[in-house]
Amino acid sequence: MAASENSVLVEVQDLKTYFFLHEGTVKAVDGVSFSIYEGRSLGVIGESGCGKSVTAQSMMRIVPSPPGREVDGKIEMYLWENGGGFAEVVDVLQLKPSGAKIRSIRGKQIGMIFQEPMTALSPLHTVGNQIAEAVLIHEQDASKHQARERAIDMLGRVGIPQPHRLVDAYPHQLSGGMRQRALIAMALICGPSLLIADEPTTALDVTIEAQILELIKELQTSLGMALMYISHDLAVVGEMSDEIMVMYLGHVMEHASTDDIFDNPLHPYTLALWRSVPSIEGKLERLIPISGSLPSPFASQPGCRFFSRCDRRMPGVCDATPPSLKEVAPGHKVRCLLYE
C-alpha cells in the first residue's frame, strides 16, 4: 500500500484535553474530531483560547503536564516508511510523552513550526547545531559532519543567504524572518509526513509573512507533505488550506472545504468572523466586531458555547440544548441548532 492524497495520516477522534487548575477545570479541547490526509492541507482557525494550539500540542504529546492532560479520545497516526510502504497505526495518546516511541515520531513523522522562534530556539547553541541534532537523534548512522552538511543544505533551501556562514550563528544574531526560516529548516530536516505550522508568521511584518507563506507552500509541494496550518487570520488560512476547521472554546463549530467556507459559511460564528475581516473591494464599510467577549473558560455552559455572542440565538433552546456536529451537506459539518 503506497501513500496517496486519499491516505489518512492522522485521525483524531473525540479528543479531550483539559487543564486542571486551582480555579477549576479548563476544557481547552472538548471532543474534537478530524482527519489529515497525505499531501493535503487543513487550516484551523478561531479566536485566541479556542483550543487550536492545544490540539496541535496533544498530537505531539507536548501539552504542559501538570496542569494539562489528555483525558479522552484517540489520535491514530498512520506511519509510513521512507520507501512509501505502510508501517503501522499508533494511538499517540497511549504512548508515554517522554517515551522512545513518541520521540521517534516527533521530528521524524511530524514536524512543528512554533509561534515564536526566539523562545523555540535555544539561545546557548548555534542554529546549525540545533538543526543537526534532529538528524543525529533520528538517524543513528549519520555522522556529525553529515548532519552539519544537511543542516547547511536545508538552510539554503529555506532561503537563508550564505548558509555555510550562518550555520554557526546564534539565534540572537539573526533577524525575525531568518529565525523563522531556521525553525522551518529544523522542522523539515528529517522529511516529516506532516508539518504543523502554529501561527508561524505572527511576529513578522507583512512582507516577510508573504515570503514565509510562499516558502511553506513550495516546500509542501516539493516534499509531498501534509500541512496543518493554525492561525487567527481567515484570509491566510484560506490561502494555505484545502479545508478549514473553525474552533470556538474547545469545540469544532464548522468544518468544510475552503471553497465552502468562503462561498457558503453557515455557522453564525463563521459569519461573524467574516464580517470582522476588512476588504479592499467595493464600497468601504465599517467593520462589525463580534459582540460581547469570550465567556470564562471555567464556566459550565449547558447549551451552545457561542450563545451569549450569537446574533441568531434562540433563547430557551440554544442555551439549554448542546448542539452536535452535523453534516448538512457532503463534506460540510456544522455545530448549530439552526441546522438540526
C-alpha atoms as a PDB file:
ATOM      1  CA  MET A   1       0.000   0.000   0.000  1.00  0.00           C
ATOM      2  CA  ALA A   2       1.510   3.355  -1.008  1.00  0.00           C
ATOM      3  CA  ALA A   3       0.746   6.791   0.383  1.00  0.00           C
ATOM      4  CA  SER A   4      -1.532   8.994  -1.709  1.00  0.00           C
ATOM      5  CA  GLU A   5      -3.717  12.063  -1.302  1.00  0.00           C
ATOM      6  CA  ASN A   6      -6.504   9.753  -0.093  1.00  0.00           C
ATOM      7  CA  SER A   7      -4.309   8.126   2.568  1.00  0.00           C
ATOM      8  CA  VAL A   8      -5.071   9.136   6.134  1.00  0.00           C
ATOM      9  CA  LEU A   9      -2.023  10.319   8.068  1.00  0.00           C
ATOM     10  CA  VAL A  10      -3.678  11.340  11.335  1.00  0.00           C
ATOM     11  CA  GLU A  11      -7.176  10.601  12.575  1.00  0.00           C
ATOM     12  CA  VAL A  12      -8.279  12.455  15.717  1.00  0.00           C
ATOM     13  CA  GLN A  13     -11.386  11.076  17.416  1.00  0.00           C
ATOM     14  CA  ASP A  14     -13.235  12.859  20.236  1.00  0.00           C
ATOM     15  CA  LEU A  15     -10.060  14.418  21.666  1.00  0.00           C
ATOM     16  CA  LYS A  16     -10.448  15.969  25.110  1.00  0.00           C
ATOM     17  CA  THR A  17      -7.562  17.882  26.669  1.00  0.00           C
ATOM     18  CA  TYR A  18      -8.232  19.578  29.991  1.00  0.00           C
ATOM     19  CA  PHE A  19      -6.205  21.827  32.297  1.00  0.00           C
ATOM     20  CA  PHE A  20      -6.761  21.190  35.986  1.00  0.00           C
ATOM     21  CA  LEU A  21      -6.153  24.465  37.833  1.00  0.00           C
ATOM     22  CA  HIS A  22      -6.863  25.705  41.361  1.00  0.00           C
ATOM     23  CA  GLU A  23      -9.672  27.895  39.989  1.00  0.00           C
ATOM     24  CA  GLY A  24     -11.327  24.995  38.195  1.00  0.00           C
ATOM     25  CA  THR A  25     -11.034  22.839  35.093  1.00  0.00           C
ATOM     26  CA  VAL A  26     -10.452  24.415  31.679  1.00  0.00           C
ATOM     27  CA  LYS A  27     -11.760  22.236  28.855  1.00  0.00           C
ATOM     28  CA  ALA A  28      -9.334  23.579  26.266  1.00  0.00           C
ATOM     29  CA  VAL A  29     -10.189  20.855  23.740  1.00  0.00           C
ATOM     30  CA  ASP A  30     -13.532  19.172  24.320  1.00  0.00           C
ATOM     31  CA  GLY A  31     -14.483  16.457  21.850  1.00  0.00           C
ATOM     32  CA  VAL A  32     -12.611  17.440  18.681  1.00  0.00           C
ATOM     33  CA  SER A  33     -12.530  15.058  15.699  1.00  0.00           C
ATOM     34  CA  PHE A  34     -10.891  15.447  12.284  1.00  0.00           C
ATOM     35  CA  SER A  35      -8.592  13.716   9.794  1.00  0.00           C
ATOM     36  CA  ILE A  36      -5.477  14.853   7.951  1.00  0.00           C
ATOM     37  CA  TYR A  37      -4.672  13.282   4.590  1.00  0.00           C
ATOM     38  CA  GLU A  38      -1.417  12.704   2.749  1.00  0.00           C
ATOM     39  CA  GLY A  39      -0.401  15.740   0.697  1.00  0.00           C
ATOM     40  CA  ARG A  40      -3.389  17.882   1.736  1.00  0.00           C
ATOM     41  CA  SER A  41      -3.759  20.940   3.965  1.00  0.00           C
ATOM     42  CA  LEU A  42      -6.042  21.500   6.950  1.00  0.00           C
ATOM     43  CA  GLY A  43      -6.483  25.040   8.234  1.00  0.00           C
ATOM     44  CA  VAL A  44      -7.553  25.585  11.847  1.00  0.00           C
ATOM     45  CA  ILE A  45      -8.952  28.983  12.744  1.00  0.00           C
ATOM     46  CA  GLY A  46     -10.542  30.704  15.732  1.00  0.00           C
ATOM     47  CA  GLU A  47     -10.020  33.354  18.377  1.00  0.00           C
ATOM     48  CA  SER A  48      -7.275  33.094  20.982  1.00  0.00           C
ATOM     49  CA  GLY A  49      -8.181  30.484  23.562  1.00  0.00           C
ATOM     50  CA  CYS A  50     -10.301  28.340  21.245  1.00  0.00           C
ATOM     51  CA  GLY A  51      -8.008  25.301  21.514  1.00  0.00           C
ATOM     52  CA  LYS A  52      -6.083  25.447  18.228  1.00  0.00           C
ATOM     53  CA  SER A  53      -2.576  25.221  19.674  1.00  0.00           C
ATOM     54  CA  VAL A  54      -3.575  22.739  22.399  1.00  0.00           C
ATOM     55  CA  THR A  55      -4.936  20.421  19.710  1.00  0.00           C
ATOM     56  CA  ALA A  56      -1.568  20.501  17.942  1.00  0.00           C
ATOM     57  CA  GLN A  57       0.307  20.025  21.222  1.00  0.00           C
ATOM     58  CA  SER A  58      -1.854  16.993  22.001  1.00  0.00           C
ATOM     59  CA  MET A  59      -0.935  15.466  18.641  1.00  0.00           C
ATOM     60  CA  MET A  60       2.740  15.901  19.556  1.00  0.00           C
ATOM     61  CA  ARG A  61       2.172  14.918  23.231  1.00  0.00           C
ATOM     62  CA  ILE A  62       3.799  18.142  24.445  1.00  0.00           C
ATOM     63  CA  VAL A  63       0.885  19.535  26.472  1.00  0.00           C
ATOM     64  CA  PRO A  64       2.380  21.052  29.669  1.00  0.00           C
ATOM     65  CA  SER A  65       1.696  18.487  32.390  1.00  0.00           C
ATOM     66  CA  PRO A  66       0.764  19.373  35.029  1.00  0.00           C
ATOM     67  CA  PRO A  67      -1.721  21.029  34.788  1.00  0.00           C
ATOM     68  CA  GLY A  68      -2.715  19.809  31.297  1.00  0.00           C
ATOM     69  CA  ARG A  69      -3.682  16.276  30.365  1.00  0.00           C
ATOM     70  CA  GLU A  70      -5.385  14.429  27.512  1.00  0.00           C
ATOM     71  CA  VAL A  71      -8.289  12.792  29.320  1.00  0.00           C
ATOM     72  CA  ASP A  72     -10.095  11.021  26.481  1.00  0.00           C
ATOM     73  CA  GLY A  73     -10.160  10.285  22.768  1.00  0.00           C
ATOM     74  CA  LYS A  74      -7.824   8.794  20.185  1.00  0.00           C
ATOM     75  CA  ILE A  75      -5.097  10.217  17.961  1.00  0.00           C
ATOM     76  CA  GLU A  76      -4.344   7.455  15.480  1.00  0.00           C
ATOM     77  CA  MET A  77      -1.240   8.076  13.403  1.00  0.00           C
ATOM     78  CA  TYR A  78      -0.623   6.074  10.239  1.00  0.00           C
ATOM     79  CA  LEU A  79       3.130   5.669   9.963  1.00  0.00           C
ATOM     80  CA  TRP A  80       4.733   5.254   6.558  1.00  0.00           C
ATOM     81  CA  GLU A  81       8.230   4.023   5.812  1.00  0.00           C
ATOM     82  CA  ASN A  82      10.655   6.127   3.771  1.00  0.00           C
ATOM     83  CA  GLY A  83      10.016   3.972   0.724  1.00  0.00           C
ATOM     84  CA  GLY A  84       6.294   4.727   0.846  1.00  0.00           C
ATOM     85  CA  GLY A  85       5.178   1.432   2.363  1.00  0.00           C
ATOM     86  CA  PHE A  86       2.652   1.306   5.194  1.00  0.00           C
ATOM     87  CA  ALA A  87       4.236   0.512   8.561  1.00  0.00           C
ATOM     88  CA  GLU A  88       1.732   0.647  11.431  1.00  0.00           C
ATOM     89  CA  VAL A  89      -1.062   2.561  13.147  1.00  0.00           C
ATOM     90  CA  VAL A  90      -0.198   4.083  16.512  1.00  0.00           C
ATOM     91  CA  ASP A  91      -2.574   5.656  19.033  1.00  0.00           C
ATOM     92  CA  VAL A  92      -0.418   8.553  20.208  1.00  0.00           C
ATOM     93  CA  LEU A  93      -2.429   9.013  23.411  1.00  0.00           C
ATOM     94  CA  GLN A  94      -1.382   5.519  24.541  1.00  0.00           C
ATOM     95  CA  LEU A  95       2.296   6.457  24.369  1.00  0.00           C
ATOM     96  CA  LYS A  96       4.293   7.922  27.224  1.00  0.00           C
ATOM     97  CA  PRO A  97       5.002  11.628  26.495  1.00  0.00           C
ATOM     98  CA  SER A  98       8.710  11.076  27.189  1.00  0.00           C
ATOM     99  CA  GLY A  99       8.908   7.549  25.797  1.00  0.00           C
ATOM    100  CA  ALA A 100      11.107   6.366  22.943  1.00  0.00           C
ATOM    101  CA  LYS A 101       8.202   5.725  20.551  1.00  0.00           C
ATOM    102  CA  ILE A 102       6.730   9.233  20.625  1.00  0.00           C
ATOM    103  CA  ARG A 103      10.225  10.752  20.477  1.00  0.00           C
ATOM    104  CA  SER A 104      10.831   8.755  17.313  1.00  0.00           C
ATOM    105  CA  ILE A 105       7.659  10.269  15.838  1.00  0.00           C
ATOM    106  CA  ARG A 106       8.356  13.899  16.803  1.00  0.00           C
ATOM    107  CA  GLY A 107      10.576  15.476  14.204  1.00  0.00           C
ATOM    108  CA  LYS A 108      10.673  12.341  12.035  1.00  0.00           C
ATOM    109  CA  GLN A 109       6.987  11.809  11.230  1.00  0.00           C
ATOM    110  CA  ILE A 110       5.649  15.188  12.412  1.00  0.00           C
ATOM    111  CA  GLY A 111       7.495  18.486  12.215  1.00  0.00           C
ATOM    112  CA  MET A 112       6.252  21.600  14.002  1.00  0.00           C
ATOM    113  CA  ILE A 113       6.875  25.309  13.477  1.00  0.00           C
ATOM    114  CA  PHE A 114       6.171  27.184  16.688  1.00  0.00           C
ATOM    115  CA  GLN A 115       4.759  30.698  17.043  1.00  0.00           C
ATOM    116  CA  GLU A 116       7.818  32.467  18.419  1.00  0.00           C
ATOM    117  CA  PRO A 117      11.216  31.237  17.191  1.00  0.00           C
ATOM    118  CA  MET A 118      13.137  33.176  19.839  1.00  0.00           C
ATOM    119  CA  THR A 119      11.570  31.020  22.552  1.00  0.00           C
ATOM    120  CA  ALA A 120      11.585  27.807  20.484  1.00  0.00           C
ATOM    121  CA  LEU A 121      15.318  28.038  19.713  1.00  0.00           C
ATOM    122  CA  SER A 122      17.963  27.640  22.384  1.00  0.00           C
ATOM    123  CA  PRO A 123      19.991  30.846  22.866  1.00  0.00           C
ATOM    124  CA  LEU A 124      23.008  28.814  24.010  1.00  0.00           C
ATOM    125  CA  HIS A 125      23.523  26.760  20.849  1.00  0.00           C
ATOM    126  CA  THR A 126      24.139  27.690  17.248  1.00  0.00           C
ATOM    127  CA  VAL A 127      21.330  27.355  14.747  1.00  0.00           C
ATOM    128  CA  GLY A 128      23.281  24.696  12.850  1.00  0.00           C
ATOM    129  CA  ASN A 129      23.819  22.543  15.933  1.00  0.00           C
ATOM    130  CA  GLN A 130      20.127  22.642  16.782  1.00  0.00           C
ATOM    131  CA  ILE A 131      19.082  21.622  13.271  1.00  0.00           C
ATOM    132  CA  ALA A 132      21.769  18.907  13.023  1.00  0.00           C
ATOM    133  CA  GLU A 133      20.704  17.489  16.395  1.00  0.00           C
ATOM    134  CA  ALA A 134      17.414  16.310  14.861  1.00  0.00           C
ATOM    135  CA  VAL A 135      19.354  14.329  12.242  1.00  0.00           C
ATOM    136  CA  LEU A 136      21.631  12.742  14.843  1.00  0.00           C
ATOM    137  CA  ILE A 137      18.645  11.740  17.002  1.00  0.00           C
ATOM    138  CA  HIS A 138      16.557  10.140  14.256  1.00  0.00           C
ATOM    139  CA  GLU A 139      19.294   8.723  12.015  1.00  0.00           C
ATOM    140  CA  GLN A 140      21.741   6.740  14.089  1.00  0.00           C
ATOM    141  CA  ASP A 141      24.135   6.074  11.193  1.00  0.00           C
ATOM    142  CA  ALA A 142      24.576   9.776  10.358  1.00  0.00           C
ATOM    143  CA  SER A 143      27.888  11.370  11.366  1.00  0.00           C
ATOM    144  CA  LYS A 144      28.226  14.857  12.807  1.00  0.00           C
ATOM    145  CA  HIS A 145      29.786  16.035   9.557  1.00  0.00           C
ATOM    146  CA  GLN A 146      26.899  14.626   7.517  1.00  0.00           C
ATOM    147  CA  ALA A 147      24.349  16.184   9.857  1.00  0.00           C
ATOM    148  CA  ARG A 148      26.068  19.570   9.568  1.00  0.00           C
ATOM    149  CA  GLU A 149      26.135  19.369   5.762  1.00  0.00           C
ATOM    150  CA  ARG A 150      22.440  18.512   5.700  1.00  0.00           C
ATOM    151  CA  ALA A 151      21.730  21.447   8.003  1.00  0.00           C
ATOM    152  CA  ILE A 152      23.591  23.764   5.635  1.00  0.00           C
ATOM    153  CA  ASP A 153      21.694  22.378   2.657  1.00  0.00           C
ATOM    154  CA  MET A 154      18.321  22.811   4.392  1.00  0.00           C
ATOM    155  CA  LEU A 155      19.161  26.360   5.487  1.00  0.00           C
ATOM    156  CA  GLY A 156      19.842  27.136   1.839  1.00  0.00           C
ATOM    157  CA  ARG A 157      16.555  25.543   0.766  1.00  0.00           C
ATOM    158  CA  VAL A 158      14.548  27.725   3.140  1.00  0.00           C
ATOM    159  CA  GLY A 159      16.126  30.852   1.717  1.00  0.00           C
ATOM    160  CA  ILE A 160      18.829  31.793   4.212  1.00  0.00           C
ATOM    161  CA  PRO A 161      21.736  33.510   2.387  1.00  0.00           C
ATOM    162  CA  GLN A 162      25.284  32.277   2.944  1.00  0.00           C
ATOM    163  CA  PRO A 163      24.187  29.165   4.847  1.00  0.00           C
ATOM    164  CA  HIS A 164      27.820  27.990   5.213  1.00  0.00           C
ATOM    165  CA  ARG A 165      28.458  31.061   7.373  1.00  0.00           C
ATOM    166  CA  LEU A 166      25.117  31.475   9.162  1.00  0.00           C
ATOM    167  CA  VAL A 167      25.018  27.813  10.190  1.00  0.00           C
ATOM    168  CA  ASP A 168      27.330  28.859  13.052  1.00  0.00           C
ATOM    169  CA  ALA A 169      25.221  31.885  14.050  1.00  0.00           C
ATOM    170  CA  TYR A 170      23.281  32.071  17.310  1.00  0.00           C
ATOM    171  CA  PRO A 171      19.533  32.876  17.221  1.00  0.00           C
ATOM    172  CA  HIS A 172      20.039  36.420  18.562  1.00  0.00           C
ATOM    173  CA  GLN A 173      22.330  37.167  15.611  1.00  0.00           C
ATOM    174  CA  LEU A 174      19.519  36.548  13.111  1.00  0.00           C
ATOM    175  CA  SER A 175      16.518  38.708  12.209  1.00  0.00           C
ATOM    176  CA  GLY A 176      12.992  37.565  12.990  1.00  0.00           C
ATOM    177  CA  GLY A 177      12.434  36.306   9.451  1.00  0.00           C
ATOM    178  CA  MET A 178      15.754  34.440   9.444  1.00  0.00           C
ATOM    179  CA  ARG A 179      14.965  32.808  12.801  1.00  0.00           C
ATOM    180  CA  GLN A 180      11.607  31.665  11.458  1.00  0.00           C
ATOM    181  CA  ARG A 181      13.300  30.188   8.380  1.00  0.00           C
ATOM    182  CA  ALA A 182      15.771  28.385  10.643  1.00  0.00           C
ATOM    183  CA  LEU A 183      12.848  26.974  12.626  1.00  0.00           C
ATOM    184  CA  ILE A 184      11.257  25.754   9.385  1.00  0.00           C
ATOM    185  CA  ALA A 185      14.559  24.112   8.433  1.00  0.00           C
ATOM    186  CA  MET A 186      14.626  22.337  11.797  1.00  0.00           C
ATOM    187  CA  ALA A 187      11.046  21.097  11.333  1.00  0.00           C
ATOM    188  CA  LEU A 188      11.773  19.746   7.833  1.00  0.00           C
ATOM    189  CA  ILE A 189      15.302  18.375   8.167  1.00  0.00           C
ATOM    190  CA  CYS A 190      14.132  14.763   8.666  1.00  0.00           C
ATOM    191  CA  GLY A 191      11.450  14.860   5.946  1.00  0.00           C
ATOM    192  CA  PRO A 192       8.259  14.572   8.042  1.00  0.00           C
ATOM    193  CA  SER A 193       4.979  13.380   6.546  1.00  0.00           C
ATOM    194  CA  LEU A 194       3.051  16.115   8.390  1.00  0.00           C
ATOM    195  CA  LEU A 195       4.066  19.700   9.102  1.00  0.00           C
ATOM    196  CA  ILE A 196       2.185  21.587  11.827  1.00  0.00           C
ATOM    197  CA  ALA A 197       2.550  25.359  11.464  1.00  0.00           C
ATOM    198  CA  ASP A 198       1.274  27.075  14.610  1.00  0.00           C
ATOM    199  CA  GLU A 199       0.814  30.731  13.636  1.00  0.00           C
ATOM    200  CA  PRO A 200       4.349  30.849  12.168  1.00  0.00           C
ATOM    201  CA  THR A 201       4.093  34.457  10.936  1.00  0.00           C
ATOM    202  CA  THR A 202       2.549  36.163  13.985  1.00  0.00           C
ATOM    203  CA  ALA A 203       5.654  38.183  14.898  1.00  0.00           C
ATOM    204  CA  LEU A 204       6.652  39.083  11.319  1.00  0.00           C
ATOM    205  CA  ASP A 205       5.826  42.079   9.137  1.00  0.00           C
ATOM    206  CA  VAL A 206       3.577  41.562   6.116  1.00  0.00           C
ATOM    207  CA  THR A 207       6.410  41.397   3.560  1.00  0.00           C
ATOM    208  CA  ILE A 208       8.294  38.670   5.427  1.00  0.00           C
ATOM    209  CA  GLU A 209       4.979  36.947   6.199  1.00  0.00           C
ATOM    210  CA  ALA A 210       4.221  36.631   2.482  1.00  0.00           C
ATOM    211  CA  GLN A 211       7.681  35.174   1.868  1.00  0.00           C
ATOM    212  CA  ILE A 212       7.324  32.612   4.664  1.00  0.00           C
ATOM    213  CA  LEU A 213       3.859  31.538   3.485  1.00  0.00           C
ATOM    214  CA  GLU A 214       5.098  31.109  -0.075  1.00  0.00           C
ATOM    215  CA  LEU A 215       8.089  29.141   1.213  1.00  0.00           C
ATOM    216  CA  ILE A 216       5.859  26.759   3.210  1.00  0.00           C
ATOM    217  CA  LYS A 217       3.632  26.161   0.173  1.00  0.00           C
ATOM    218  CA  GLU A 218       6.626  25.477  -2.084  1.00  0.00           C
ATOM    219  CA  LEU A 219       8.194  23.065   0.410  1.00  0.00           C
ATOM    220  CA  GLN A 220       4.892  21.257   0.947  1.00  0.00           C
ATOM    221  CA  THR A 221       4.557  20.703  -2.794  1.00  0.00           C
ATOM    222  CA  SER A 222       8.168  19.659  -3.341  1.00  0.00           C
ATOM    223  CA  LEU A 223       8.328  17.345  -0.318  1.00  0.00           C
ATOM    224  CA  GLY A 224       4.774  15.970  -0.635  1.00  0.00           C
ATOM    225  CA  MET A 225       3.868  16.737   2.979  1.00  0.00           C
ATOM    226  CA  ALA A 226       0.509  17.172   4.626  1.00  0.00           C
ATOM    227  CA  LEU A 227       0.045  20.531   6.345  1.00  0.00           C
ATOM    228  CA  MET A 228      -1.900  21.599   9.420  1.00  0.00           C
ATOM    229  CA  TYR A 229      -1.909  25.404   9.436  1.00  0.00           C
ATOM    230  CA  ILE A 230      -3.108  27.142  12.596  1.00  0.00           C
ATOM    231  CA  SER A 231      -3.965  30.836  12.545  1.00  0.00           C
ATOM    232  CA  HIS A 232      -6.438  33.504  13.634  1.00  0.00           C
ATOM    233  CA  ASP A 233      -6.288  35.056  10.155  1.00  0.00           C
ATOM    234  CA  LEU A 234      -9.053  33.681   7.928  1.00  0.00           C
ATOM    235  CA  ALA A 235      -7.518  35.128   4.750  1.00  0.00           C
ATOM    236  CA  VAL A 236      -4.159  33.427   5.359  1.00  0.00           C
ATOM    237  CA  VAL A 237      -5.782  30.094   6.216  1.00  0.00           C
ATOM    238  CA  GLY A 238      -7.854  30.334   3.052  1.00  0.00           C
ATOM    239  CA  GLU A 239      -4.683  30.785   1.013  1.00  0.00           C
ATOM    240  CA  MET A 240      -2.884  27.852   2.643  1.00  0.00           C
ATOM    241  CA  SER A 241      -5.582  25.209   3.103  1.00  0.00           C
ATOM    242  CA  ASP A 242      -7.682  22.693   1.186  1.00  0.00           C
ATOM    243  CA  GLU A 243     -10.194  22.519   4.046  1.00  0.00           C
ATOM    244  CA  ILE A 244     -10.862  24.663   7.105  1.00  0.00           C
ATOM    245  CA  MET A 245     -11.917  23.797  10.657  1.00  0.00           C
ATOM    246  CA  VAL A 246     -13.403  26.644  12.721  1.00  0.00           C
ATOM    247  CA  MET A 247     -12.979  26.287  16.503  1.00  0.00           C
ATOM    248  CA  TYR A 248     -14.527  28.110  19.460  1.00  0.00           C
ATOM    249  CA  LEU A 249     -13.949  27.345  23.161  1.00  0.00           C
ATOM    250  CA  GLY A 250     -12.704  23.824  22.533  1.00  0.00           C
ATOM    251  CA  HIS A 251     -15.401  22.835  20.033  1.00  0.00           C
ATOM    252  CA  VAL A 252     -15.365  22.483  16.251  1.00  0.00           C
ATOM    253  CA  MET A 253     -18.107  24.857  15.065  1.00  0.00           C
ATOM    254  CA  GLU A 254     -17.764  24.283  11.329  1.00  0.00           C
ATOM    255  CA  HIS A 255     -15.630  22.077   9.098  1.00  0.00           C
ATOM    256  CA  ALA A 256     -15.732  22.143   5.314  1.00  0.00           C
ATOM    257  CA  SER A 257     -13.647  22.641   2.211  1.00  0.00           C
ATOM    258  CA  THR A 258     -12.038  26.050   1.817  1.00  0.00           C
ATOM    259  CA  ASP A 259     -14.363  26.899  -1.070  1.00  0.00           C
ATOM    260  CA  ASP A 260     -17.446  26.068   1.006  1.00  0.00           C
ATOM    261  CA  ILE A 261     -16.241  28.075   3.998  1.00  0.00           C
ATOM    262  CA  PHE A 262     -15.605  31.107   1.799  1.00  0.00           C
ATOM    263  CA  ASP A 263     -18.627  30.810  -0.505  1.00  0.00           C
ATOM    264  CA  ASN A 264     -21.205  29.398   1.895  1.00  0.00           C
ATOM    265  CA  PRO A 265     -20.318  29.860   5.588  1.00  0.00           C
ATOM    266  CA  LEU A 266     -23.159  28.521   7.729  1.00  0.00           C
ATOM    267  CA  HIS A 267     -22.344  28.856  11.413  1.00  0.00           C
ATOM    268  CA  PRO A 268     -23.109  32.272  12.979  1.00  0.00           C
ATOM    269  CA  TYR A 269     -19.585  32.338  14.407  1.00  0.00           C
ATOM    270  CA  THR A 270     -18.007  31.790  10.979  1.00  0.00           C
ATOM    271  CA  LEU A 271     -20.249  34.520   9.555  1.00  0.00           C
ATOM    272  CA  ALA A 272     -19.232  36.845  12.401  1.00  0.00           C
ATOM    273  CA  LEU A 273     -15.564  36.187  11.661  1.00  0.00           C
ATOM    274  CA  TRP A 274     -16.171  37.086   8.024  1.00  0.00           C
ATOM    275  CA  ARG A 275     -17.858  40.380   8.947  1.00  0.00           C
ATOM    276  CA  SER A 276     -14.849  41.394  11.006  1.00  0.00           C
ATOM    277  CA  VAL A 277     -12.390  40.977   8.103  1.00  0.00           C
ATOM    278  CA  PRO A 278     -11.621  44.167   6.123  1.00  0.00           C
ATOM    279  CA  SER A 279     -11.990  44.179   2.331  1.00  0.00           C
ATOM    280  CA  ILE A 280     -10.380  46.439  -0.254  1.00  0.00           C
ATOM    281  CA  GLU A 281     -13.059  45.678  -2.841  1.00  0.00           C
ATOM    282  CA  GLY A 282     -16.275  47.633  -3.335  1.00  0.00           C
ATOM    283  CA  LYS A 283     -17.607  50.323  -1.020  1.00  0.00           C
ATOM    284  CA  LEU A 284     -15.728  50.823   2.239  1.00  0.00           C
ATOM    285  CA  GLU A 285     -17.913  49.875   5.173  1.00  0.00           C
ATOM    286  CA  ARG A 286     -17.416  49.934   8.905  1.00  0.00           C
ATOM    287  CA  LEU A 287     -16.270  46.578  10.247  1.00  0.00           C
ATOM    288  CA  ILE A 288     -18.686  44.752  12.528  1.00  0.00           C
ATOM    289  CA  PRO A 289     -16.879  43.247  15.530  1.00  0.00           C
ATOM    290  CA  ILE A 290     -18.201  40.143  17.269  1.00  0.00           C
ATOM    291  CA  SER A 291     -20.346  41.370  20.140  1.00  0.00           C
ATOM    292  CA  GLY A 292     -19.547  40.537  23.728  1.00  0.00           C
ATOM    293  CA  SER A 293     -16.464  38.742  24.955  1.00  0.00           C
ATOM    294  CA  LEU A 294     -15.331  35.175  25.458  1.00  0.00           C
ATOM    295  CA  PRO A 295     -17.087  33.500  28.394  1.00  0.00           C
ATOM    296  CA  SER A 296     -14.986  32.391  31.329  1.00  0.00           C
ATOM    297  CA  PRO A 297     -13.191  29.140  30.478  1.00  0.00           C
ATOM    298  CA  PHE A 298     -14.179  27.855  33.939  1.00  0.00           C
ATOM    299  CA  ALA A 299     -17.914  28.396  33.360  1.00  0.00           C
ATOM    300  CA  SER A 300     -20.152  25.400  32.703  1.00  0.00           C
ATOM    301  CA  GLN A 301     -22.476  26.015  29.766  1.00  0.00           C
ATOM    302  CA  PRO A 302     -25.384  23.618  29.202  1.00  0.00           C
ATOM    303  CA  GLY A 303     -26.114  24.815  25.654  1.00  0.00           C
ATOM    304  CA  CYS A 304     -24.166  26.263  22.739  1.00  0.00           C
ATOM    305  CA  ARG A 305     -20.897  27.863  23.793  1.00  0.00           C
ATOM    306  CA  PHE A 306     -21.410  30.733  21.343  1.00  0.00           C
ATOM    307  CA  PHE A 307     -24.909  31.528  22.671  1.00  0.00           C
ATOM    308  CA  SER A 308     -24.055  34.763  24.539  1.00  0.00           C
ATOM    309  CA  ARG A 309     -22.455  36.329  21.433  1.00  0.00           C
ATOM    310  CA  CYS A 310     -24.674  34.899  18.690  1.00  0.00           C
ATOM    311  CA  ASP A 311     -26.957  37.272  16.755  1.00  0.00           C
ATOM    312  CA  ARG A 312     -29.242  34.381  15.731  1.00  0.00           C
ATOM    313  CA  ARG A 313     -29.632  32.737  19.133  1.00  0.00           C
ATOM    314  CA  MET A 314     -32.915  31.201  20.227  1.00  0.00           C
ATOM    315  CA  PRO A 315     -33.396  31.775  23.988  1.00  0.00           C
ATOM    316  CA  GLY A 316     -34.663  28.714  25.782  1.00  0.00           C
ATOM    317  CA  VAL A 317     -33.333  26.481  23.020  1.00  0.00           C
ATOM    318  CA  CYS A 318     -29.702  27.303  22.217  1.00  0.00           C
ATOM    319  CA  ASP A 319     -28.807  27.915  25.875  1.00  0.00           C
ATOM    320  CA  ALA A 320     -30.398  24.652  27.002  1.00  0.00           C
ATOM    321  CA  THR A 321     -29.513  22.067  24.353  1.00  0.00           C
ATOM    322  CA  PRO A 322     -25.899  21.405  23.352  1.00  0.00           C
ATOM    323  CA  PRO A 323     -25.715  21.160  19.538  1.00  0.00           C
ATOM    324  CA  SER A 324     -23.865  18.303  17.880  1.00  0.00           C
ATOM    325  CA  LEU A 325     -21.629  18.468  14.822  1.00  0.00           C
ATOM    326  CA  LYS A 326     -23.887  17.540  11.886  1.00  0.00           C
ATOM    327  CA  GLU A 327     -23.068  17.007   8.223  1.00  0.00           C
ATOM    328  CA  VAL A 328     -25.575  19.304   6.499  1.00  0.00           C
ATOM    329  CA  ALA A 329     -24.072  18.839   3.027  1.00  0.00           C
ATOM    330  CA  PRO A 330     -21.459  16.457   1.614  1.00  0.00           C
ATOM    331  CA  GLY A 331     -18.232  17.255   3.461  1.00  0.00           C
ATOM    332  CA  HIS A 332     -19.751  20.286   5.255  1.00  0.00           C
ATOM    333  CA  LYS A 333     -20.243  19.893   9.021  1.00  0.00           C
ATOM    334  CA  VAL A 334     -21.822  22.494  11.333  1.00  0.00           C
ATOM    335  CA  ARG A 335     -22.447  22.559  15.093  1.00  0.00           C
ATOM    336  CA  CYS A 336     -25.615  24.680  15.313  1.00  0.00           C
ATOM    337  CA  LEU A 337     -29.273  24.047  16.238  1.00  0.00           C
ATOM    338  CA  LEU A 338     -30.369  26.163  13.259  1.00  0.00           C
ATOM    339  CA  TYR A 339     -29.420  23.239  11.018  1.00  0.00           C
ATOM    340  CA  GLU A 340     -30.804  20.364  13.101  1.00  0.00           C
END
